[in-house]
Amino acid sequence: AREGSNGWAARTIVARDLDLEKWYTVVVEANVPEGFYAVHVDGVSEPLELESFFTKGRTPSKLTHLSFATWNDGAGTFYVDNVSVQGN
């Protein structure tokens, strides 16, 4: 996870040593108005509360996109299934 205005090298590890042959449930709870989000791997790690990304020098006003990526130091291929976005 990347926090606030930190550079790409400054990131928080949410869960280490995950089994590449196993599916995990990753939970992200975004509090857009307050500028924070919490993320954890269900059954593996406790929720970490992190400062949200900054867009043009300020916290975003709403959630408009959801994306997934792997870094160049990771295992590479990953699969995403059963994504849901809930909110009010």
PDB file of N, CA and C in Angstrom:
ATOM      1  N   ALA A   1       0.853  -1.176   0.000  1.00  0.00           N
ATOM      2  CA  ALA A   1       0.000   0.000   0.000  1.00  0.00           C
ATOM      3  C   ALA A   1       0.891   1.228   0.000  1.00  0.00           C
ATOM      4  N   ARG A   2       0.458   2.243  -0.660  1.00  0.00           N
ATOM      5  CA  ARG A   2       1.202   3.499  -0.708  1.00  0.00           C
ATOM      6  C   ARG A   2       0.412   4.526   0.074  1.00  0.00           C
ATOM      7  N   GLU A   3       1.104   5.306   0.893  1.00  0.00           N
ATOM      8  CA  GLU A   3       0.409   6.245   1.762  1.00  0.00           C
ATOM      9  C   GLU A   3       0.664   7.684   1.354  1.00  0.00           C
ATOM     10  N   GLY A   4      -0.426   8.453   1.265  1.00  0.00           N
ATOM     11  CA  GLY A   4      -0.349   9.887   1.056  1.00  0.00           C
ATOM     12  C   GLY A   4       0.550  10.306  -0.077  1.00  0.00           C
ATOM     13  N   SER A   5       1.412  11.263   0.198  1.00  0.00           N
ATOM     14  CA  SER A   5       2.281  11.810  -0.841  1.00  0.00           C
ATOM     15  C   SER A   5       3.655  11.150  -0.853  1.00  0.00           C
ATOM     16  N   ASN A   6       3.816  10.016  -0.174  1.00  0.00           N
ATOM     17  CA  ASN A   6       5.097   9.317  -0.164  1.00  0.00           C
ATOM     18  C   ASN A   6       5.494   8.895  -1.572  1.00  0.00           C
ATOM     19  N   GLY A   7       6.786   8.804  -1.806  1.00  0.00           N
ATOM     20  CA  GLY A   7       7.274   8.323  -3.090  1.00  0.00           C
ATOM     21  C   GLY A   7       6.977   6.841  -3.261  1.00  0.00           C
ATOM     22  N   TRP A   8       7.144   6.347  -4.478  1.00  0.00           N
ATOM     23  CA  TRP A   8       6.821   4.947  -4.761  1.00  0.00           C
ATOM     24  C   TRP A   8       7.672   3.983  -3.956  1.00  0.00           C
ATOM     25  N   ALA A   9       8.881   4.367  -3.578  1.00  0.00           N
ATOM     26  CA  ALA A   9       9.742   3.473  -2.802  1.00  0.00           C
ATOM     27  C   ALA A   9       9.273   3.349  -1.353  1.00  0.00           C
ATOM     28  N   ALA A  10       8.511   4.324  -0.872  1.00  0.00           N
ATOM     29  CA  ALA A  10       8.011   4.308   0.504  1.00  0.00           C
ATOM     30  C   ALA A  10       6.613   3.712   0.520  1.00  0.00           C
ATOM     31  N   ARG A  11       6.539   2.403   0.762  1.00  0.00           N
ATOM     32  CA  ARG A  11       5.237   1.748   0.779  1.00  0.00           C
ATOM     33  C   ARG A  11       5.140   0.858   2.011  1.00  0.00           C
ATOM     34  N   THR A  12       3.930   0.545   2.399  1.00  0.00           N
ATOM     35  CA  THR A  12       3.661  -0.288   3.560  1.00  0.00           C
ATOM     36  C   THR A  12       3.319  -1.693   3.094  1.00  0.00           C
ATOM     37  N   ILE A  13       3.980  -2.695   3.642  1.00  0.00           N
ATOM     38  CA  ILE A  13       3.678  -4.083   3.310  1.00  0.00           C
ATOM     39  C   ILE A  13       2.452  -4.495   4.124  1.00  0.00           C
ATOM     40  N   VAL A  14       1.399  -4.932   3.439  1.00  0.00           N
ATOM     41  CA  VAL A  14       0.151  -5.323   4.097  1.00  0.00           C
ATOM     42  C   VAL A  14       0.239  -6.751   4.615  1.00  0.00           C
ATOM     43  N   ALA A  15       0.826  -7.660   3.843  1.00  0.00           N
ATOM     44  CA  ALA A  15       0.976  -9.062   4.255  1.00  0.00           C
ATOM     45  C   ALA A  15       2.201  -9.647   3.566  1.00  0.00           C
ATOM     46  N   ARG A  16       3.021 -10.353   4.306  1.00  0.00           N
ATOM     47  CA  ARG A  16       4.236 -10.962   3.755  1.00  0.00           C
ATOM     48  C   ARG A  16       4.033 -12.459   3.532  1.00  0.00           C
ATOM     49  N   ASP A  17       4.829 -12.993   2.635  1.00  0.00           N
ATOM     50  CA  ASP A  17       4.932 -14.445   2.434  1.00  0.00           C
ATOM     51  C   ASP A  17       3.598 -15.131   2.172  1.00  0.00           C
ATOM     52  N   LEU A  18       2.779 -14.553   1.315  1.00  0.00           N
ATOM     53  CA  LEU A  18       1.512 -15.184   0.952  1.00  0.00           C
ATOM     54  C   LEU A  18       1.772 -16.380   0.051  1.00  0.00           C
ATOM     55  N   ASP A  19       0.945 -17.398   0.161  1.00  0.00           N
ATOM     56  CA  ASP A  19       1.052 -18.613  -0.644  1.00  0.00           C
ATOM     57  C   ASP A  19       0.535 -18.315  -2.050  1.00  0.00           C
ATOM     58  N   LEU A  20       1.379 -18.441  -3.061  1.00  0.00           N
ATOM     59  CA  LEU A  20       0.990 -18.120  -4.431  1.00  0.00           C
ATOM     60  C   LEU A  20      -0.014 -19.108  -5.012  1.00  0.00           C
ATOM     61  N   GLU A  21      -0.252 -20.217  -4.331  1.00  0.00           N
ATOM     62  CA  GLU A  21      -1.210 -21.222  -4.794  1.00  0.00           C
ATOM     63  C   GLU A  21      -2.558 -21.099  -4.077  1.00  0.00           C
ATOM     64  N   LYS A  22      -2.784 -20.014  -3.370  1.00  0.00           N
ATOM     65  CA  LYS A  22      -3.988 -19.853  -2.554  1.00  0.00           C
ATOM     66  C   LYS A  22      -4.688 -18.539  -2.886  1.00  0.00           C
ATOM     67  N   TRP A  23      -6.037 -18.552  -2.843  1.00  0.00           N
ATOM     68  CA  TRP A  23      -6.832 -17.339  -3.003  1.00  0.00           C
ATOM     69  C   TRP A  23      -6.938 -16.641  -1.654  1.00  0.00           C
ATOM     70  N   TYR A  24      -6.884 -15.321  -1.666  1.00  0.00           N
ATOM     71  CA  TYR A  24      -7.036 -14.525  -0.450  1.00  0.00           C
ATOM     72  C   TYR A  24      -8.120 -13.483  -0.670  1.00  0.00           C
ATOM     73  N   THR A  25      -8.771 -13.098   0.417  1.00  0.00           N
ATOM     74  CA  THR A  25      -9.730 -12.000   0.373  1.00  0.00           C
ATOM     75  C   THR A  25      -9.026 -10.751   0.887  1.00  0.00           C
ATOM     76  N   VAL A  26      -8.926  -9.748   0.027  1.00  0.00           N
ATOM     77  CA  VAL A  26      -8.319  -8.477   0.398  1.00  0.00           C
ATOM     78  C   VAL A  26      -9.450  -7.481   0.601  1.00  0.00           C
ATOM     79  N   VAL A  27      -9.464  -6.840   1.753  1.00  0.00           N
ATOM     80  CA  VAL A  27     -10.529  -5.902   2.092  1.00  0.00           C
ATOM     81  C   VAL A  27      -9.942  -4.496   2.169  1.00  0.00           C
ATOM     82  N   VAL A  28     -10.560  -3.571   1.443  1.00  0.00           N
ATOM     83  CA  VAL A  28     -10.168  -2.165   1.486  1.00  0.00           C
ATOM     84  C   VAL A  28     -11.405  -1.360   1.848  1.00  0.00           C
ATOM     85  N   GLU A  29     -11.319  -0.602   2.925  1.00  0.00           N
ATOM     86  CA  GLU A  29     -12.412   0.271   3.336  1.00  0.00           C
ATOM     87  C   GLU A  29     -11.929   1.707   3.187  1.00  0.00           C
ATOM     88  N   ALA A  30     -12.520   2.421   2.242  1.00  0.00           N
ATOM     89  CA  ALA A  30     -12.103   3.798   1.962  1.00  0.00           C
ATOM     90  C   ALA A  30     -13.022   4.783   2.659  1.00  0.00           C
ATOM     91  N   ASN A  31     -12.434   5.739   3.347  1.00  0.00           N
ATOM     92  CA  ASN A  31     -13.170   6.838   3.954  1.00  0.00           C
ATOM     93  C   ASN A  31     -12.744   8.092   3.193  1.00  0.00           C
ATOM     94  N   VAL A  32     -13.372   8.291   2.044  1.00  0.00           N
ATOM     95  CA  VAL A  32     -12.961   9.371   1.142  1.00  0.00           C
ATOM     96  C   VAL A  32     -13.071  10.748   1.796  1.00  0.00           C
ATOM     97  N   PRO A  33     -14.198  11.085   2.463  1.00  0.00           N
ATOM     98  CA  PRO A  33     -14.291  12.429   3.052  1.00  0.00           C
ATOM     99  C   PRO A  33     -13.204  12.722   4.091  1.00  0.00           C
ATOM    100  N   GLU A  34     -12.777  11.703   4.828  1.00  0.00           N
ATOM    101  CA  GLU A  34     -11.763  11.900   5.863  1.00  0.00           C
ATOM    102  C   GLU A  34     -10.335  11.735   5.334  1.00  0.00           C
ATOM    103  N   GLY A  35     -10.195  11.182   4.118  1.00  0.00           N
ATOM    104  CA  GLY A  35      -8.873  11.049   3.511  1.00  0.00           C
ATOM    105  C   GLY A  35      -8.052   9.867   3.997  1.00  0.00           C
ATOM    106  N   PHE A  36      -8.726   8.796   4.443  1.00  0.00           N
ATOM    107  CA  PHE A  36      -8.023   7.608   4.907  1.00  0.00           C
ATOM    108  C   PHE A  36      -8.609   6.357   4.281  1.00  0.00           C
ATOM    109  N   TYR A  37      -7.815   5.285   4.254  1.00  0.00           N
ATOM    110  CA  TYR A  37      -8.343   3.980   3.877  1.00  0.00           C
ATOM    111  C   TYR A  37      -7.672   2.925   4.747  1.00  0.00           C
ATOM    112  N   ALA A  38      -8.384   1.820   4.959  1.00  0.00           N
ATOM    113  CA  ALA A  38      -7.846   0.700   5.726  1.00  0.00           C
ATOM    114  C   ALA A  38      -7.796  -0.502   4.799  1.00  0.00           C
ATOM    115  N   VAL A  39      -6.738  -1.277   4.882  1.00  0.00           N
ATOM    116  CA  VAL A  39      -6.578  -2.448   4.016  1.00  0.00           C
ATOM    117  C   VAL A  39      -6.044  -3.613   4.842  1.00  0.00           C
ATOM    118  N   HIS A  40      -6.558  -4.817   4.553  1.00  0.00           N
ATOM    119  CA  HIS A  40      -6.018  -6.019   5.183  1.00  0.00           C
ATOM    120  C   HIS A  40      -6.330  -7.243   4.339  1.00  0.00           C
ATOM    121  N   VAL A  41      -5.568  -8.299   4.569  1.00  0.00           N
ATOM    122  CA  VAL A  41      -5.816  -9.592   3.940  1.00  0.00           C
ATOM    123  C   VAL A  41      -6.569 -10.413   4.976  1.00  0.00           C
ATOM    124  N   ASP A  42      -7.807 -10.784   4.655  1.00  0.00           N
ATOM    125  CA  ASP A  42      -8.690 -11.456   5.601  1.00  0.00           C
ATOM    126  C   ASP A  42      -8.053 -12.732   6.146  1.00  0.00           C
ATOM    127  N   GLY A  43      -7.968 -12.831   7.467  1.00  0.00           N
ATOM    128  CA  GLY A  43      -7.406 -14.004   8.116  1.00  0.00           C
ATOM    129  C   GLY A  43      -5.893 -14.040   8.172  1.00  0.00           C
ATOM    130  N   VAL A  44      -5.230 -13.031   7.600  1.00  0.00           N
ATOM    131  CA  VAL A  44      -3.768 -13.021   7.550  1.00  0.00           C
ATOM    132  C   VAL A  44      -3.192 -11.806   8.269  1.00  0.00           C
ATOM    133  N   SER A  45      -3.770 -10.638   8.046  1.00  0.00           N
ATOM    134  CA  SER A  45      -3.221  -9.419   8.632  1.00  0.00           C
ATOM    135  C   SER A  45      -4.322  -8.571   9.249  1.00  0.00           C
ATOM    136  N   GLU A  46      -3.931  -7.732  10.181  1.00  0.00           N
ATOM    137  CA  GLU A  46      -4.852  -6.788  10.810  1.00  0.00           C
ATOM    138  C   GLU A  46      -4.989  -5.562   9.903  1.00  0.00           C
ATOM    139  N   PRO A  47      -6.148  -4.867   9.978  1.00  0.00           N
ATOM    140  CA  PRO A  47      -6.313  -3.667   9.146  1.00  0.00           C
ATOM    141  C   PRO A  47      -5.257  -2.598   9.455  1.00  0.00           C
ATOM    142  N   LEU A  48      -4.718  -2.022   8.407  1.00  0.00           N
ATOM    143  CA  LEU A  48      -3.790  -0.903   8.518  1.00  0.00           C
ATOM    144  C   LEU A  48      -4.503   0.335   8.014  1.00  0.00           C
ATOM    145  N   GLU A  49      -4.544   1.391   8.820  1.00  0.00           N
ATOM    146  CA  GLU A  49      -5.167   2.633   8.364  1.00  0.00           C
ATOM    147  C   GLU A  49      -4.085   3.513   7.765  1.00  0.00           C
ATOM    148  N   LEU A  50      -4.317   3.938   6.524  1.00  0.00           N
ATOM    149  CA  LEU A  50      -3.334   4.714   5.775  1.00  0.00           C
ATOM    150  C   LEU A  50      -3.960   5.990   5.243  1.00  0.00           C
ATOM    151  N   GLU A  51      -3.130   7.003   5.085  1.00  0.00           N
ATOM    152  CA  GLU A  51      -3.588   8.251   4.487  1.00  0.00           C
ATOM    153  C   GLU A  51      -3.811   8.029   2.996  1.00  0.00           C
ATOM    154  N   SER A  52      -4.867   8.640   2.456  1.00  0.00           N
ATOM    155  CA  SER A  52      -5.201   8.424   1.042  1.00  0.00           C
ATOM    156  C   SER A  52      -4.217   9.132   0.116  1.00  0.00           C
ATOM    157  N   PHE A  53      -4.320   8.775  -1.151  1.00  0.00           N
ATOM    158  CA  PHE A  53      -3.526   9.433  -2.182  1.00  0.00           C
ATOM    159  C   PHE A  53      -3.912  10.902  -2.290  1.00  0.00           C
ATOM    160  N   PHE A  54      -3.023  11.693  -2.815  1.00  0.00           N
ATOM    161  CA  PHE A  54      -3.318  13.089  -3.088  1.00  0.00           C
ATOM    162  C   PHE A  54      -3.448  13.273  -4.590  1.00  0.00           C
ATOM    163  N   THR A  55      -4.416  14.038  -5.002  1.00  0.00           N
ATOM    164  CA  THR A  55      -4.626  14.354  -6.403  1.00  0.00           C
ATOM    165  C   THR A  55      -4.523  15.861  -6.552  1.00  0.00           C
ATOM    166  N   LYS A  56      -3.576  16.298  -7.341  1.00  0.00           N
ATOM    167  CA  LYS A  56      -3.356  17.734  -7.537  1.00  0.00           C
ATOM    168  C   LYS A  56      -3.210  18.459  -6.194  1.00  0.00           C
ATOM    169  N   GLY A  57      -2.475  17.812  -5.256  1.00  0.00           N
ATOM    170  CA  GLY A  57      -2.167  18.451  -3.989  1.00  0.00           C
ATOM    171  C   GLY A  57      -3.238  18.374  -2.926  1.00  0.00           C
ATOM    172  N   ARG A  58      -4.312  17.635  -3.177  1.00  0.00           N
ATOM    173  CA  ARG A  58      -5.367  17.541  -2.161  1.00  0.00           C
ATOM    174  C   ARG A  58      -5.985  16.143  -2.173  1.00  0.00           C
ATOM    175  N   THR A  59      -6.694  15.821  -1.111  1.00  0.00           N
ATOM    176  CA  THR A  59      -7.370  14.534  -1.010  1.00  0.00           C
ATOM    177  C   THR A  59      -8.522  14.489  -1.999  1.00  0.00           C
ATOM    178  N   PRO A  60      -8.726  13.368  -2.695  1.00  0.00           N
ATOM    179  CA  PRO A  60      -9.851  13.261  -3.639  1.00  0.00           C
ATOM    180  C   PRO A  60     -11.192  13.454  -2.933  1.00  0.00           C
ATOM    181  N   SER A  61     -12.189  13.937  -3.661  1.00  0.00           N
ATOM    182  CA  SER A  61     -13.516  14.162  -3.080  1.00  0.00           C
ATOM    183  C   SER A  61     -14.434  12.964  -3.239  1.00  0.00           C
ATOM    184  N   LYS A  62     -14.107  12.047  -4.158  1.00  0.00           N
ATOM    185  CA  LYS A  62     -14.927  10.851  -4.349  1.00  0.00           C
ATOM    186  C   LYS A  62     -14.087   9.749  -4.978  1.00  0.00           C
ATOM    187  N   LEU A  63     -14.561   8.524  -4.812  1.00  0.00           N
ATOM    188  CA  LEU A  63     -13.900   7.366  -5.397  1.00  0.00           C
ATOM    189  C   LEU A  63     -14.486   7.135  -6.777  1.00  0.00           C
ATOM    190  N   THR A  64     -13.646   7.169  -7.814  1.00  0.00           N
ATOM    191  CA  THR A  64     -14.148   7.030  -9.185  1.00  0.00           C
ATOM    192  C   THR A  64     -13.546   5.846  -9.933  1.00  0.00           C
ATOM    193  N   HIS A  65     -12.402   5.311  -9.471  1.00  0.00           N
ATOM    194  CA  HIS A  65     -11.732   4.229 -10.185  1.00  0.00           C
ATOM    195  C   HIS A  65     -11.176   3.212  -9.191  1.00  0.00           C
ATOM    196  N   LEU A  66     -11.071   1.992  -9.651  1.00  0.00           N
ATOM    197  CA  LEU A  66     -10.461   0.921  -8.878  1.00  0.00           C
ATOM    198  C   LEU A  66      -9.499   0.199  -9.811  1.00  0.00           C
ATOM    199  N   SER A  67      -8.236   0.075  -9.419  1.00  0.00           N
ATOM    200  CA  SER A  67      -7.267  -0.585 -10.295  1.00  0.00           C
ATOM    201  C   SER A  67      -6.414  -1.558  -9.490  1.00  0.00           C
ATOM    202  N   PHE A  68      -5.777  -2.482 -10.199  1.00  0.00           N
ATOM    203  CA  PHE A  68      -4.936  -3.498  -9.591  1.00  0.00           C
ATOM    204  C   PHE A  68      -3.611  -3.524 -10.333  1.00  0.00           C
ATOM    205  N   ALA A  69      -2.524  -3.757  -9.595  1.00  0.00           N
ATOM    206  CA  ALA A  69      -1.207  -3.775 -10.230  1.00  0.00           C
ATOM    207  C   ALA A  69      -0.260  -4.661  -9.441  1.00  0.00           C
ATOM    208  N   THR A  70       0.787  -5.097 -10.094  1.00  0.00           N
ATOM    209  CA  THR A  70       1.885  -5.782  -9.426  1.00  0.00           C
ATOM    210  C   THR A  70       3.161  -5.009  -9.741  1.00  0.00           C
ATOM    211  N   TRP A  71       4.087  -5.001  -8.820  1.00  0.00           N
ATOM    212  CA  TRP A  71       5.327  -4.265  -9.021  1.00  0.00           C
ATOM    213  C   TRP A  71       6.352  -5.163  -9.694  1.00  0.00           C
ATOM    214  N   ASN A  72       7.450  -4.571 -10.140  1.00  0.00           N
ATOM    215  CA  ASN A  72       8.474  -5.333 -10.858  1.00  0.00           C
ATOM    216  C   ASN A  72       9.256  -6.287  -9.958  1.00  0.00           C
ATOM    217  N   ASP A  73       9.084  -6.201  -8.649  1.00  0.00           N
ATOM    218  CA  ASP A  73       9.779  -7.114  -7.742  1.00  0.00           C
ATOM    219  C   ASP A  73       8.862  -8.220  -7.221  1.00  0.00           C
ATOM    220  N   GLY A  74       7.640  -8.319  -7.759  1.00  0.00           N
ATOM    221  CA  GLY A  74       6.682  -9.330  -7.314  1.00  0.00           C
ATOM    222  C   GLY A  74       6.718 -10.566  -8.187  1.00  0.00           C
ATOM    223  N   ALA A  75       5.794 -11.476  -7.898  1.00  0.00           N
ATOM    224  CA  ALA A  75       5.739 -12.740  -8.638  1.00  0.00           C
ATOM    225  C   ALA A  75       5.226 -12.560 -10.062  1.00  0.00           C
ATOM    226  N   GLY A  76       4.576 -11.452 -10.339  1.00  0.00           N
ATOM    227  CA  GLY A  76       4.105 -11.204 -11.707  1.00  0.00           C
ATOM    228  C   GLY A  76       2.614 -11.356 -11.842  1.00  0.00           C
ATOM    229  N   THR A  77       2.178 -12.459 -12.427  1.00  0.00           N
ATOM    230  CA  THR A  77       0.768 -12.679 -12.713  1.00  0.00           C
ATOM    231  C   THR A  77      -0.043 -12.829 -11.434  1.00  0.00           C
ATOM    232  N   PHE A  78      -1.201 -12.205 -11.407  1.00  0.00           N
ATOM    233  CA  PHE A  78      -2.146 -12.417 -10.322  1.00  0.00           C
ATOM    234  C   PHE A  78      -3.541 -12.330 -10.899  1.00  0.00           C
ATOM    235  N   TYR A  79      -4.495 -12.890 -10.193  1.00  0.00           N
ATOM    236  CA  TYR A  79      -5.877 -12.936 -10.659  1.00  0.00           C
ATOM    237  C   TYR A  79      -6.772 -12.207  -9.675  1.00  0.00           C
ATOM    238  N   VAL A  80      -7.796 -11.570 -10.206  1.00  0.00           N
ATOM    239  CA  VAL A  80      -8.770 -10.845  -9.400  1.00  0.00           C
ATOM    240  C   VAL A  80     -10.135 -11.424  -9.717  1.00  0.00           C
ATOM    241  N   ASP A  81     -10.915 -11.725  -8.685  1.00  0.00           N
ATOM    242  CA  ASP A  81     -12.225 -12.337  -8.867  1.00  0.00           C
ATOM    243  C   ASP A  81     -13.198 -11.763  -7.844  1.00  0.00           C
ATOM    244  N   ASN A  82     -14.458 -11.649  -8.244  1.00  0.00           N
ATOM    245  CA  ASN A  82     -15.542 -11.287  -7.340  1.00  0.00           C
ATOM    246  C   ASN A  82     -15.299  -9.947  -6.639  1.00  0.00           C
ATOM    247  N   VAL A  83     -15.045  -8.912  -7.407  1.00  0.00           N
ATOM    248  CA  VAL A  83     -14.822  -7.573  -6.872  1.00  0.00           C
ATOM    249  C   VAL A  83     -16.166  -6.894  -6.668  1.00  0.00           C
ATOM    250  N   SER A  84     -16.336  -6.265  -5.519  1.00  0.00           N
ATOM    251  CA  SER A  84     -17.562  -5.499  -5.290  1.00  0.00           C
ATOM    252  C   SER A  84     -17.199  -4.162  -4.667  1.00  0.00           C
ATOM    253  N   VAL A  85     -17.956  -3.147  -5.018  1.00  0.00           N
ATOM    254  CA  VAL A  85     -17.792  -1.817  -4.459  1.00  0.00           C
ATOM    255  C   VAL A  85     -19.114  -1.457  -3.806  1.00  0.00           C
ATOM    256  N   GLN A  86     -19.055  -1.128  -2.526  1.00  0.00           N
ATOM    257  CA  GLN A  86     -20.259  -0.779  -1.785  1.00  0.00           C
ATOM    258  C   GLN A  86     -20.050   0.572  -1.138  1.00  0.00           C
ATOM    259  N   GLY A  87     -21.083   1.308  -0.960  1.00  0.00           N
ATOM    260  CA  GLY A  87     -20.943   2.587  -0.291  1.00  0.00           C
ATOM    261  C   GLY A  87     -22.210   3.392  -0.376  1.00  0.00           C
ATOM    262  N   ASN A  88     -22.137   4.549   0.206  1.00  0.00           N
ATOM    263  CA  ASN A  88     -23.297   5.437   0.184  1.00  0.00           C
ATOM    264  C   ASN A  88     -22.915   6.802  -0.311  1.00  0.00           C
TER     265      ASN A  88
END
